[in-house]
Amino acid sequence: MKVANRYKWLLPPIFFIGFAALFHFWSSNIVDLDSFYYIRQSWLLRTNGLFDVTFPWAQFSVIKLFSASLWYGFAFLLVPFTLIGNLFIGIKIAGVIFTAAALFSFYWVMNRHQFRWPFLWPLLLFFSVPNVLAQFLMVRPQIVSLALVPILFSLLIMGSWPGIAFASFGIAWAHLNFAWLPALIFAVVATAQFFTYGRSRWKELVYKGGAILGGLLLGWALRPNPFGALRLFYVQVIQQVFQKQGGLPLLFGKENLPLKFTALFQNFSPFLILLGGAIFIFWFQMWKHKPVSQDQKIVLWSSAALAIIFFIFTMLVARRAYNFWAEFGIIFVAAVFSYCISSNSSHKPIAQSSATMLAIIFVFMIFYSGSKGVAAIGKDGYKPTELQEAALWLRDNSQSGEIVFNLHWPDFSALFFWNQKNYYISGLDPIFQYEYSPSLYWKFHYLATDVVTKKTCGAIACTRDMLEDTYGVLKKDFQAKYVLLTKMENPAVRQFLEGDSHFEKKFETNFEAIYLIK
């Protein structure tokens, strides 16, 4: 018994590792195409040097121009997984570790705040929405933020400044795009603390704010070329928001677009019901002036406020915010259940009814989100051989540094994974290509969207006299040697290339085709 008690702290991490492994190895596919890019970038750090972030592979992108990385910390953390001979297996094992860490960190916060059934809430978060389940299984920098955000929230309520600084550092270092997150969370928690305690703890808030700032500055500075990374941050976070709100029809990734109401009600309905019930109970209890401790009041108000803020972000700015909406929504639900219902013996019937409803919703979420998530990985996930044939043909039949005009920009990650010998037109995010040269971007855009074939144009609104010969644009403006297209994405461009003598088809699969530009 003594030995068992001594090592019982190992049970939660072992459980979450096993749980994560079950989902990651359920299918041979991976959830996200960009995982190919991140593991290969880490491999380059290991082979070329940990401070080498030059990136010529995206030739017409400010990533090449600024020679910096927004995701340097995440690539650094992935380096040990590149020691595995098969990098695809490295992606899988890294996924298990990062998913387990994110779930365990949530469990740690639930336990730290004395929520009832601390094992329940990480699983409820995982199964809350099919979209969130998929995010937990992605090997991307966002998973680090999913792990550190609840820890930072907890430490801001009751914790010391070193832990706050470390969590802030980790978020900014792994994914500089999310450097604003710790500042937002601090602002909300500090506001709740101020209204709860008044001015009596102003010094504590100053220390915590300083820890946030110090952690963020270190997370930004401890990377090669931090000023180049800051310029990339401005492009992808600030500039992209302006361009979207201005209605510029760029090729945005889905995660950077607002969530549609149809998707909200289709995938988020059980979570909305759960969250709505918690809000009603919380309002009712506060109206009845139910006594809770000062720290409990801060947890309730700040988690509710942050859930609302990230819901607004999800619907109006970018759907990627639903991860944090779900995290703070589940924290709020757990706090309401633990502080407003279960802790009061006079509410025993209400507690029993609430527990029953929670169990019903949880079981439904397991089957609904779990089945949809597993089906999506099997059907829509990416195979270990994604674009392997095309990329290896280019590697074996081209000269080093020759440029491939890849019309489907998301294909870059898999192409780069298999073939670092060639350079490519676009990848990671079209906003980087647009900021490099708006004129070149539009010439690419109209071909990529299959709108034009023989002629293209370097402006958002084209007149007849602005049209340019596609062959000349590819040859002179982009200096491309090959065109690679996905047949389903570009049937019109494919037909044009097949019928023009300036292009010669050199390789073809059921899905892709490669043409030599003569």
Protein backbone atom coordinates (compact mmCIF):
# COMPACT_ATOMS: atom_id res chain seq x y z
CA MET A 1 0.00 0.00 0.00
CA LYS A 2 2.83 2.39 0.84
CA VAL A 3 4.52 1.70 -2.48
CA ALA A 4 1.21 2.16 -4.32
CA ASN A 5 0.55 5.48 -2.58
CA ARG A 6 4.08 6.64 -3.32
CA TYR A 7 3.65 6.15 -7.07
CA LYS A 8 -0.03 6.97 -7.48
CA TRP A 9 0.93 10.35 -8.99
CA LEU A 10 2.06 8.38 -12.06
CA LEU A 11 -1.46 7.12 -12.77
CA PRO A 12 -2.87 10.31 -14.39
CA PRO A 13 -0.01 10.84 -16.89
CA ILE A 14 0.04 7.11 -17.75
CA PHE A 15 -3.72 7.17 -18.28
CA PHE A 16 -3.59 10.21 -20.56
CA ILE A 17 -0.65 8.82 -22.56
CA GLY A 18 -2.58 5.60 -23.14
CA PHE A 19 -5.72 7.53 -24.02
CA ALA A 20 -3.83 9.75 -26.50
CA ALA A 21 -2.07 6.75 -28.06
CA LEU A 22 -5.43 5.07 -28.66
CA PHE A 23 -6.59 7.95 -30.85
CA HIS A 24 -3.31 8.75 -32.58
CA PHE A 25 -2.69 5.14 -33.60
CA TRP A 26 -6.33 4.36 -34.37
CA SER A 27 -5.56 5.20 -38.00
CA SER A 28 -2.34 5.35 -39.96
CA ASN A 29 -3.38 8.84 -41.14
CA ILE A 30 -2.61 12.14 -39.47
CA VAL A 31 -5.14 14.93 -38.91
CA ASP A 32 -3.28 17.93 -40.29
CA LEU A 33 -1.14 18.38 -43.40
CA ASP A 34 1.08 21.02 -41.77
CA SER A 35 2.46 18.39 -39.39
CA PHE A 36 4.68 17.35 -42.32
CA TYR A 37 6.14 20.86 -42.40
CA TYR A 38 6.79 21.12 -38.65
CA ILE A 39 8.61 17.80 -38.32
CA ARG A 40 10.77 18.55 -41.35
CA GLN A 41 11.57 22.02 -40.05
CA SER A 42 12.70 20.39 -36.79
CA TRP A 43 14.82 17.93 -38.76
CA LEU A 44 16.51 20.88 -40.49
CA LEU A 45 17.24 22.49 -37.12
CA ARG A 46 18.92 19.28 -36.01
CA THR A 47 20.88 18.77 -39.21
CA ASN A 48 21.72 22.37 -40.23
CA GLY A 49 22.05 23.92 -36.76
CA LEU A 50 19.60 25.03 -34.07
CA PHE A 51 20.02 28.70 -34.99
CA ASP A 52 19.57 28.36 -38.75
CA VAL A 53 16.06 29.55 -39.65
CA THR A 54 16.75 30.66 -43.22
CA PHE A 55 13.93 29.39 -45.39
CA PRO A 56 14.43 29.59 -49.18
CA TRP A 57 11.84 26.87 -49.89
CA ALA A 58 8.97 29.39 -50.04
CA GLN A 59 10.52 31.55 -52.75
CA PHE A 60 7.84 34.23 -53.04
CA SER A 61 7.07 34.68 -49.35
CA VAL A 62 8.14 37.09 -46.64
CA ILE A 63 9.18 34.02 -44.62
CA LYS A 64 12.13 33.73 -46.99
CA LEU A 65 12.64 37.50 -46.95
CA PHE A 66 12.68 37.92 -43.15
CA SER A 67 14.59 34.65 -42.42
CA ALA A 68 12.71 34.02 -39.19
CA SER A 69 10.27 31.56 -37.62
CA LEU A 70 7.06 32.23 -35.74
CA TRP A 71 7.04 28.63 -34.52
CA TYR A 72 10.66 28.26 -33.49
CA GLY A 73 9.98 26.95 -29.98
CA PHE A 74 7.62 24.26 -31.24
CA ALA A 75 10.14 23.15 -33.87
CA PHE A 76 12.78 23.01 -31.13
CA LEU A 77 10.53 20.80 -28.97
CA LEU A 78 10.02 18.45 -31.92
CA VAL A 79 13.74 17.92 -32.48
CA PRO A 80 13.99 14.75 -30.29
CA PHE A 81 11.24 13.13 -32.36
CA THR A 82 13.33 13.56 -35.53
CA LEU A 83 15.84 11.09 -34.09
CA ILE A 84 13.34 8.35 -34.90
CA GLY A 85 14.29 6.85 -38.27
CA ASN A 86 10.79 7.21 -39.73
CA LEU A 87 9.74 10.86 -39.42
CA PHE A 88 6.08 9.96 -39.90
CA ILE A 89 6.28 7.72 -36.82
CA GLY A 90 7.96 10.69 -35.14
CA ILE A 91 4.85 12.75 -35.89
CA LYS A 92 2.66 10.05 -34.34
CA ILE A 93 4.73 9.71 -31.15
CA ALA A 94 5.02 13.49 -30.78
CA GLY A 95 1.26 13.69 -31.15
CA VAL A 96 0.76 11.21 -28.30
CA ILE A 97 3.08 13.15 -25.98
CA PHE A 98 1.63 16.59 -26.77
CA THR A 99 -2.01 15.45 -26.58
CA ALA A 100 -1.36 13.70 -23.26
CA ALA A 101 0.43 16.79 -21.92
CA ALA A 102 -2.49 19.04 -22.87
CA LEU A 103 -5.03 16.73 -21.22
CA PHE A 104 -2.88 16.26 -18.12
CA SER A 105 -2.37 20.01 -17.70
CA PHE A 106 -6.15 20.46 -17.73
CA TYR A 107 -6.52 17.68 -15.16
CA TRP A 108 -3.85 19.37 -13.01
CA VAL A 109 -5.81 22.63 -13.04
CA MET A 110 -9.08 20.85 -12.20
CA ASN A 111 -7.39 19.11 -9.28
CA ARG A 112 -5.64 22.28 -8.10
CA HIS A 113 -8.92 24.19 -7.85
CA GLN A 114 -10.60 21.28 -6.08
CA PHE A 115 -13.20 20.67 -8.76
CA ARG A 116 -15.21 17.51 -8.25
CA TRP A 117 -14.26 14.58 -10.51
CA PRO A 118 -11.05 16.09 -11.91
CA PHE A 119 -10.61 13.20 -14.36
CA LEU A 120 -13.97 13.94 -15.96
CA TRP A 121 -13.30 17.47 -17.22
CA PRO A 122 -10.27 16.82 -19.49
CA LEU A 123 -12.23 14.02 -21.17
CA LEU A 124 -15.30 16.24 -21.43
CA LEU A 125 -13.13 18.91 -23.07
CA PHE A 126 -11.63 16.37 -25.48
CA PHE A 127 -15.06 15.10 -26.57
CA SER A 128 -16.87 18.45 -26.26
CA VAL A 129 -16.84 19.17 -30.02
CA PRO A 130 -15.55 17.14 -33.00
CA ASN A 131 -13.55 20.20 -34.08
CA VAL A 132 -11.84 20.45 -30.69
CA LEU A 133 -11.07 16.73 -30.68
CA ALA A 134 -9.31 17.15 -34.03
CA GLN A 135 -7.28 20.08 -32.67
CA PHE A 136 -6.08 17.96 -29.76
CA LEU A 137 -4.76 15.41 -32.25
CA MET A 138 -2.87 17.88 -34.45
CA VAL A 139 0.90 18.11 -34.20
CA ARG A 140 0.95 21.89 -34.45
CA PRO A 141 2.10 24.74 -32.16
CA GLN A 142 -1.49 25.30 -31.00
CA ILE A 143 -1.28 22.16 -28.86
CA VAL A 144 1.36 23.86 -26.68
CA SER A 145 -1.00 26.77 -26.10
CA LEU A 146 -3.82 24.34 -25.27
CA ALA A 147 -1.58 22.86 -22.57
CA LEU A 148 -0.26 26.13 -21.12
CA VAL A 149 -3.32 28.40 -21.24
CA PRO A 150 -5.28 26.68 -18.42
CA ILE A 151 -2.08 26.52 -16.32
CA LEU A 152 -1.51 30.24 -16.81
CA PHE A 153 -5.14 30.95 -15.92
CA SER A 154 -4.83 28.95 -12.71
CA LEU A 155 -1.52 30.52 -11.68
CA LEU A 156 -2.86 34.02 -12.24
CA ILE A 157 -5.62 33.29 -9.72
CA MET A 158 -3.41 31.60 -7.15
CA GLY A 159 0.22 31.22 -8.05
CA SER A 160 3.67 32.78 -8.00
CA TRP A 161 5.25 34.98 -10.61
CA PRO A 162 7.90 32.43 -11.81
CA GLY A 163 5.20 30.00 -12.92
CA ILE A 164 3.27 32.80 -14.63
CA ALA A 165 6.41 33.96 -16.42
CA PHE A 166 7.25 30.41 -17.54
CA ALA A 167 3.75 29.74 -18.93
CA SER A 168 3.77 33.07 -20.79
CA PHE A 169 7.23 32.32 -22.14
CA GLY A 170 6.16 28.89 -23.39
CA ILE A 171 3.13 30.25 -25.26
CA ALA A 172 5.11 33.00 -27.02
CA TRP A 173 8.18 30.85 -27.68
CA ALA A 174 6.27 27.94 -29.21
CA HIS A 175 3.82 30.05 -31.23
CA LEU A 176 4.52 33.78 -31.40
CA ASN A 177 1.14 34.30 -33.10
CA PHE A 178 -0.49 33.67 -29.71
CA ALA A 179 1.69 36.11 -27.75
CA TRP A 180 -1.42 38.23 -27.13
CA LEU A 181 -3.13 35.36 -25.25
CA PRO A 182 -1.38 35.76 -21.87
CA ALA A 183 -2.03 39.52 -21.93
CA LEU A 184 -5.75 38.98 -22.59
CA ILE A 185 -6.09 36.32 -19.88
CA PHE A 186 -4.25 38.53 -17.41
CA ALA A 187 -6.49 41.51 -18.22
CA VAL A 188 -9.65 39.49 -17.55
CA VAL A 189 -8.39 37.79 -14.37
CA ALA A 190 -6.92 41.07 -13.05
CA THR A 191 -10.27 42.81 -13.63
CA ALA A 192 -12.09 40.06 -11.71
CA GLN A 193 -9.55 40.25 -8.88
CA PHE A 194 -9.83 44.03 -8.70
CA PHE A 195 -13.62 43.93 -8.38
CA THR A 196 -13.36 41.12 -5.82
CA TYR A 197 -10.55 42.41 -3.58
CA GLY A 198 -10.47 46.09 -4.46
CA ARG A 199 -7.12 47.85 -4.26
CA SER A 200 -5.79 45.67 -1.46
CA ARG A 201 -3.89 43.42 -3.89
CA TRP A 202 -2.67 45.96 -6.42
CA LYS A 203 0.98 45.07 -5.77
CA GLU A 204 0.24 41.42 -6.52
CA LEU A 205 -1.34 42.41 -9.83
CA VAL A 206 1.70 44.52 -10.70
CA TYR A 207 4.04 41.57 -10.05
CA LYS A 208 1.85 39.24 -12.09
CA GLY A 209 1.65 41.74 -14.95
CA GLY A 210 5.41 42.10 -14.87
CA ALA A 211 5.78 38.30 -14.98
CA ILE A 212 3.50 38.16 -18.03
CA LEU A 213 5.49 40.87 -19.79
CA GLY A 214 8.84 39.32 -18.90
CA GLY A 215 7.75 35.86 -20.07
CA LEU A 216 6.43 37.23 -23.36
CA LEU A 217 9.61 39.20 -24.02
CA LEU A 218 11.75 36.14 -23.36
CA GLY A 219 9.49 33.98 -25.55
CA TRP A 220 9.95 36.48 -28.37
CA ALA A 221 13.66 37.16 -27.89
CA LEU A 222 14.96 33.61 -27.38
CA ARG A 223 14.85 32.66 -31.04
CA PRO A 224 17.07 33.38 -34.05
CA ASN A 225 16.28 36.76 -35.64
CA PRO A 226 13.55 37.89 -33.20
CA PHE A 227 12.92 41.13 -35.12
CA GLY A 228 12.25 39.18 -38.30
CA ALA A 229 9.80 37.04 -36.32
CA LEU A 230 8.11 40.22 -35.06
CA ARG A 231 7.61 41.35 -38.65
CA LEU A 232 6.06 37.96 -39.50
CA PHE A 233 3.81 38.31 -36.45
CA TYR A 234 2.57 41.64 -37.78
CA VAL A 235 1.88 40.13 -41.19
CA GLN A 236 0.01 37.00 -40.06
CA VAL A 237 -1.86 38.43 -37.06
CA ILE A 238 -2.40 42.17 -37.59
CA GLN A 239 -2.23 42.51 -41.36
CA GLN A 240 -4.30 39.40 -42.01
CA VAL A 241 -7.11 40.65 -39.76
CA PHE A 242 -7.16 43.97 -41.62
CA GLN A 243 -7.23 42.24 -45.00
CA LYS A 244 -10.06 39.90 -43.95
CA GLN A 245 -12.16 42.64 -42.42
CA GLY A 246 -11.57 44.73 -45.54
CA GLY A 247 -13.03 41.95 -47.66
CA LEU A 248 -9.87 41.20 -49.67
CA PRO A 249 -10.55 37.79 -51.31
CA LEU A 250 -7.27 36.10 -50.44
CA LEU A 251 -6.88 32.33 -50.13
CA PHE A 252 -7.29 32.18 -46.36
CA GLY A 253 -6.96 28.88 -44.52
CA LYS A 254 -10.27 27.71 -43.05
CA GLU A 255 -9.02 28.11 -39.48
CA ASN A 256 -8.51 31.83 -40.14
CA LEU A 257 -12.12 32.35 -41.21
CA PRO A 258 -15.07 32.89 -38.83
CA LEU A 259 -17.14 29.84 -37.90
CA LYS A 260 -20.39 29.59 -39.83
CA PHE A 261 -23.65 29.35 -37.92
CA THR A 262 -24.49 26.08 -39.67
CA ALA A 263 -21.26 24.53 -38.33
CA LEU A 264 -21.96 26.05 -34.91
CA PHE A 265 -25.31 24.33 -34.50
CA GLN A 266 -24.26 21.15 -36.28
CA ASN A 267 -21.12 20.44 -34.23
CA PHE A 268 -21.37 22.59 -31.10
CA SER A 269 -25.00 22.00 -30.01
CA PRO A 270 -24.27 19.63 -27.05
CA PHE A 271 -21.54 21.96 -25.83
CA LEU A 272 -23.86 24.97 -26.20
CA ILE A 273 -26.54 23.21 -24.17
CA LEU A 274 -24.03 22.35 -21.45
CA LEU A 275 -22.63 25.86 -21.36
CA GLY A 276 -26.09 27.45 -21.46
CA GLY A 277 -27.25 25.36 -18.49
CA ALA A 278 -24.17 26.35 -16.50
CA ILE A 279 -24.75 30.04 -17.25
CA PHE A 280 -28.36 29.76 -16.08
CA ILE A 281 -27.38 28.02 -12.83
CA PHE A 282 -24.59 30.53 -12.23
CA TRP A 283 -26.93 33.49 -12.78
CA PHE A 284 -29.54 31.94 -10.49
CA GLN A 285 -27.01 31.25 -7.73
CA MET A 286 -25.50 34.73 -7.92
CA TRP A 287 -28.98 36.26 -7.84
CA LYS A 288 -29.64 34.23 -4.68
CA HIS A 289 -26.30 35.47 -3.30
CA LYS A 290 -24.94 31.98 -2.78
CA PRO A 291 -21.72 32.29 -0.75
CA VAL A 292 -18.53 31.26 -2.49
CA SER A 293 -14.94 32.06 -1.59
CA GLN A 294 -13.18 35.03 -3.15
CA ASP A 295 -10.92 32.86 -5.31
CA GLN A 296 -13.88 30.75 -6.41
CA LYS A 297 -15.72 33.91 -7.43
CA ILE A 298 -12.71 34.96 -9.54
CA VAL A 299 -12.60 31.54 -11.23
CA LEU A 300 -16.31 31.73 -12.05
CA TRP A 301 -16.40 35.28 -13.37
CA SER A 302 -13.14 35.23 -15.29
CA SER A 303 -13.72 31.83 -16.94
CA ALA A 304 -17.21 32.96 -17.98
CA ALA A 305 -15.85 36.22 -19.40
CA LEU A 306 -13.06 34.45 -21.31
CA ALA A 307 -15.47 31.86 -22.70
CA ILE A 308 -17.68 34.67 -24.03
CA ILE A 309 -14.70 36.56 -25.49
CA PHE A 310 -13.39 33.51 -27.34
CA PHE A 311 -16.89 32.67 -28.57
CA ILE A 312 -17.04 36.14 -30.13
CA PHE A 313 -13.59 35.62 -31.65
CA THR A 314 -14.74 32.27 -33.06
CA MET A 315 -17.81 33.73 -34.74
CA LEU A 316 -16.40 37.07 -35.91
CA VAL A 317 -12.62 36.71 -36.37
CA ALA A 318 -11.22 33.18 -36.75
CA ARG A 319 -12.61 29.75 -35.92
CA ARG A 320 -9.29 28.63 -34.43
CA ALA A 321 -10.42 30.44 -31.25
CA TYR A 322 -12.94 27.68 -30.50
CA ASN A 323 -10.15 25.73 -28.78
CA PHE A 324 -9.93 28.37 -26.06
CA TRP A 325 -13.69 28.90 -26.04
CA ALA A 326 -14.04 25.20 -25.23
CA GLU A 327 -11.28 25.26 -22.60
CA PHE A 328 -12.69 28.19 -20.65
CA GLY A 329 -16.24 26.98 -21.23
CA ILE A 330 -15.43 23.63 -19.58
CA ILE A 331 -13.56 25.37 -16.74
CA PHE A 332 -16.67 27.47 -16.15
CA VAL A 333 -18.99 24.44 -16.25
CA ALA A 334 -16.72 22.56 -13.82
CA ALA A 335 -16.60 25.57 -11.49
CA VAL A 336 -20.39 25.97 -11.50
CA PHE A 337 -20.91 22.28 -10.81
CA SER A 338 -18.27 22.17 -8.05
CA TYR A 339 -18.78 25.56 -6.37
CA CYS A 340 -22.44 26.42 -6.95
CA ILE A 341 -24.14 23.02 -6.75
CA SER A 342 -22.16 20.17 -5.22
CA SER A 343 -20.69 22.16 -2.33
CA ASN A 344 -24.12 23.00 -0.90
CA SER A 345 -25.83 20.14 0.93
CA SER A 346 -29.22 21.87 0.63
CA HIS A 347 -28.95 21.49 -3.15
CA LYS A 348 -28.55 17.72 -3.09
CA PRO A 349 -31.55 17.05 -5.42
CA ILE A 350 -30.27 19.72 -7.83
CA ALA A 351 -26.78 18.24 -7.66
CA GLN A 352 -28.09 14.75 -8.43
CA SER A 353 -30.18 16.01 -11.36
CA SER A 354 -27.26 18.05 -12.69
CA ALA A 355 -24.91 15.08 -12.41
CA THR A 356 -27.40 12.90 -14.31
CA MET A 357 -27.75 15.48 -17.10
CA LEU A 358 -23.98 15.92 -17.22
CA ALA A 359 -23.51 12.16 -17.54
CA ILE A 360 -26.07 11.95 -20.37
CA ILE A 361 -24.45 14.80 -22.28
CA PHE A 362 -20.98 13.36 -21.70
CA VAL A 363 -21.95 9.93 -23.02
CA PHE A 364 -23.56 11.58 -26.07
CA MET A 365 -20.41 13.64 -26.68
CA ILE A 366 -18.23 10.53 -26.50
CA PHE A 367 -20.23 8.78 -29.20
CA TYR A 368 -20.95 11.88 -31.30
CA SER A 369 -17.55 13.60 -31.24
CA GLY A 370 -15.59 10.38 -30.94
CA SER A 371 -17.26 8.72 -33.93
CA LYS A 372 -17.05 11.85 -36.08
CA GLY A 373 -13.45 12.47 -35.10
CA VAL A 374 -12.31 8.91 -35.82
CA ALA A 375 -14.24 8.86 -39.10
CA ALA A 376 -12.70 12.18 -40.16
CA ILE A 377 -9.17 10.94 -39.48
CA GLY A 378 -9.78 7.80 -41.52
CA LYS A 379 -11.61 9.52 -44.39
CA ASP A 380 -10.18 13.05 -44.53
CA GLY A 381 -6.84 12.55 -42.78
CA TYR A 382 -3.52 12.52 -44.60
CA LYS A 383 -1.67 9.31 -45.44
CA PRO A 384 1.99 8.68 -44.65
CA THR A 385 2.63 8.78 -48.42
CA GLU A 386 0.87 12.09 -49.08
CA LEU A 387 2.37 13.57 -52.31
CA GLN A 388 5.36 11.26 -51.91
CA GLU A 389 5.45 10.06 -55.52
CA ALA A 390 5.26 13.53 -57.05
CA ALA A 391 7.75 15.06 -54.63
CA LEU A 392 10.30 12.28 -55.08
CA TRP A 393 9.98 12.40 -58.86
CA LEU A 394 10.82 16.11 -58.73
CA ARG A 395 13.74 15.44 -56.41
CA ASP A 396 15.16 12.75 -58.68
CA ASN A 397 14.59 14.50 -62.03
CA SER A 398 15.34 18.17 -61.40
CA GLN A 399 18.28 20.37 -60.58
CA SER A 400 18.87 21.68 -57.06
CA GLY A 401 17.07 24.98 -56.45
CA GLU A 402 14.70 24.72 -59.43
CA ILE A 403 11.33 26.28 -58.65
CA VAL A 404 8.07 24.33 -58.67
CA PHE A 405 4.89 26.32 -59.26
CA ASN A 406 2.51 24.53 -56.87
CA LEU A 407 -1.02 25.72 -57.57
CA HIS A 408 -2.57 24.24 -54.41
CA TRP A 409 -0.81 26.13 -51.60
CA PRO A 410 -1.58 23.62 -48.77
CA ASP A 411 0.41 20.99 -50.73
CA PHE A 412 3.61 22.80 -49.76
CA SER A 413 3.94 21.03 -46.40
CA ALA A 414 3.98 17.52 -47.86
CA LEU A 415 6.16 18.56 -50.82
CA PHE A 416 8.67 20.16 -48.47
CA PHE A 417 8.60 17.07 -46.23
CA TRP A 418 9.63 14.77 -49.07
CA ASN A 419 11.75 17.09 -51.18
CA GLN A 420 14.00 19.89 -49.93
CA LYS A 421 15.97 19.94 -53.18
CA ASN A 422 13.41 22.14 -54.96
CA TYR A 423 11.88 25.48 -54.05
CA TYR A 424 8.17 26.28 -54.19
CA ILE A 425 5.88 29.24 -54.90
CA SER A 426 3.59 29.22 -51.91
CA GLY A 427 2.94 27.55 -48.60
CA LEU A 428 2.01 27.86 -44.91
CA ASP A 429 -0.25 30.89 -45.40
CA PRO A 430 -1.08 32.93 -48.54
CA ILE A 431 -0.86 36.18 -46.55
CA PHE A 432 2.93 35.74 -46.53
CA GLN A 433 2.91 35.50 -50.31
CA TYR A 434 0.61 38.51 -50.67
CA GLU A 435 2.82 40.68 -48.46
CA TYR A 436 5.89 39.66 -50.47
CA SER A 437 4.34 40.98 -53.70
CA PRO A 438 0.62 41.71 -54.22
CA SER A 439 1.11 41.68 -57.99
CA LEU A 440 2.74 38.24 -58.02
CA TYR A 441 0.15 36.98 -55.56
CA TRP A 442 -2.78 37.87 -57.83
CA LYS A 443 -1.07 36.28 -60.83
CA PHE A 444 -0.82 33.11 -58.74
CA HIS A 445 -4.30 33.51 -57.23
CA TYR A 446 -6.26 33.45 -60.48
CA LEU A 447 -4.46 30.32 -61.65
CA ALA A 448 -4.74 28.63 -58.24
CA THR A 449 -8.49 29.22 -58.12
CA ASP A 450 -8.87 27.90 -61.70
CA VAL A 451 -10.42 31.20 -62.83
CA VAL A 452 -7.98 31.83 -65.69
CA THR A 453 -5.76 29.66 -67.87
CA LYS A 454 -4.01 31.19 -70.89
CA LYS A 455 -3.89 34.69 -69.40
CA THR A 456 -3.51 35.92 -65.83
CA CYS A 457 -3.34 39.30 -64.12
CA GLY A 458 -1.42 41.01 -61.32
CA ALA A 459 -4.27 43.05 -59.81
CA ILE A 460 -7.43 42.41 -57.82
CA ALA A 461 -9.55 44.01 -60.58
CA CYS A 462 -8.27 43.29 -64.09
CA THR A 463 -8.98 44.95 -67.41
CA ARG A 464 -8.28 43.40 -70.80
CA ASP A 465 -5.08 45.38 -71.34
CA MET A 466 -3.73 44.18 -67.93
CA LEU A 467 -3.84 40.50 -68.87
CA GLU A 468 -0.50 38.75 -69.31
CA ASP A 469 0.46 35.53 -71.01
CA THR A 470 0.55 32.72 -68.44
CA TYR A 471 3.61 31.09 -69.95
CA GLY A 472 5.56 34.36 -69.73
CA VAL A 473 4.45 34.92 -66.13
CA LEU A 474 5.54 31.42 -65.08
CA LYS A 475 8.84 31.63 -66.95
CA LYS A 476 9.92 35.22 -66.22
CA ASP A 477 8.07 36.45 -63.14
CA PHE A 478 8.23 33.23 -61.13
CA GLN A 479 11.25 31.67 -62.85
CA ALA A 480 9.50 28.33 -62.48
CA LYS A 481 10.74 25.12 -64.09
CA TYR A 482 7.78 22.89 -63.26
CA VAL A 483 4.05 23.22 -62.60
CA LEU A 484 2.47 20.85 -60.09
CA LEU A 485 -1.30 20.74 -59.80
CA THR A 486 -3.97 18.72 -58.08
CA LYS A 487 -6.38 17.44 -60.72
CA MET A 488 -9.53 17.99 -58.70
CA GLU A 489 -8.50 21.54 -57.75
CA ASN A 490 -7.42 22.75 -61.20
CA PRO A 491 -9.23 20.99 -64.07
CA ALA A 492 -9.24 24.11 -66.29
CA VAL A 493 -5.53 24.86 -65.84
CA ARG A 494 -4.78 21.19 -66.42
CA GLN A 495 -6.68 21.25 -69.72
CA PHE A 496 -4.79 24.40 -70.76
CA LEU A 497 -1.38 22.87 -69.95
CA GLU A 498 -2.28 19.69 -71.84
CA GLY A 499 -3.03 21.69 -74.99
CA ASP A 500 -0.14 24.17 -74.96
CA SER A 501 3.18 23.18 -76.53
CA HIS A 502 5.12 25.28 -73.99
CA PHE A 503 4.33 22.63 -71.39
CA GLU A 504 5.17 18.95 -71.33
CA LYS A 505 3.61 16.49 -68.93
CA LYS A 506 6.41 14.60 -67.22
CA PHE A 507 4.69 12.75 -64.37
CA GLU A 508 1.17 11.83 -63.33
CA THR A 509 -0.69 9.98 -60.57
CA ASN A 510 -4.40 9.57 -60.01
CA PHE A 511 -4.41 12.85 -58.12
CA GLU A 512 -1.49 15.05 -59.27
CA ALA A 513 0.30 15.97 -62.46
CA ILE A 514 3.68 17.62 -63.11
CA TYR A 515 4.46 19.66 -66.22
CA LEU A 516 7.83 20.85 -67.46
CA ILE A 517 7.92 24.50 -68.54
CA LYS A 518 9.98 24.54 -71.75
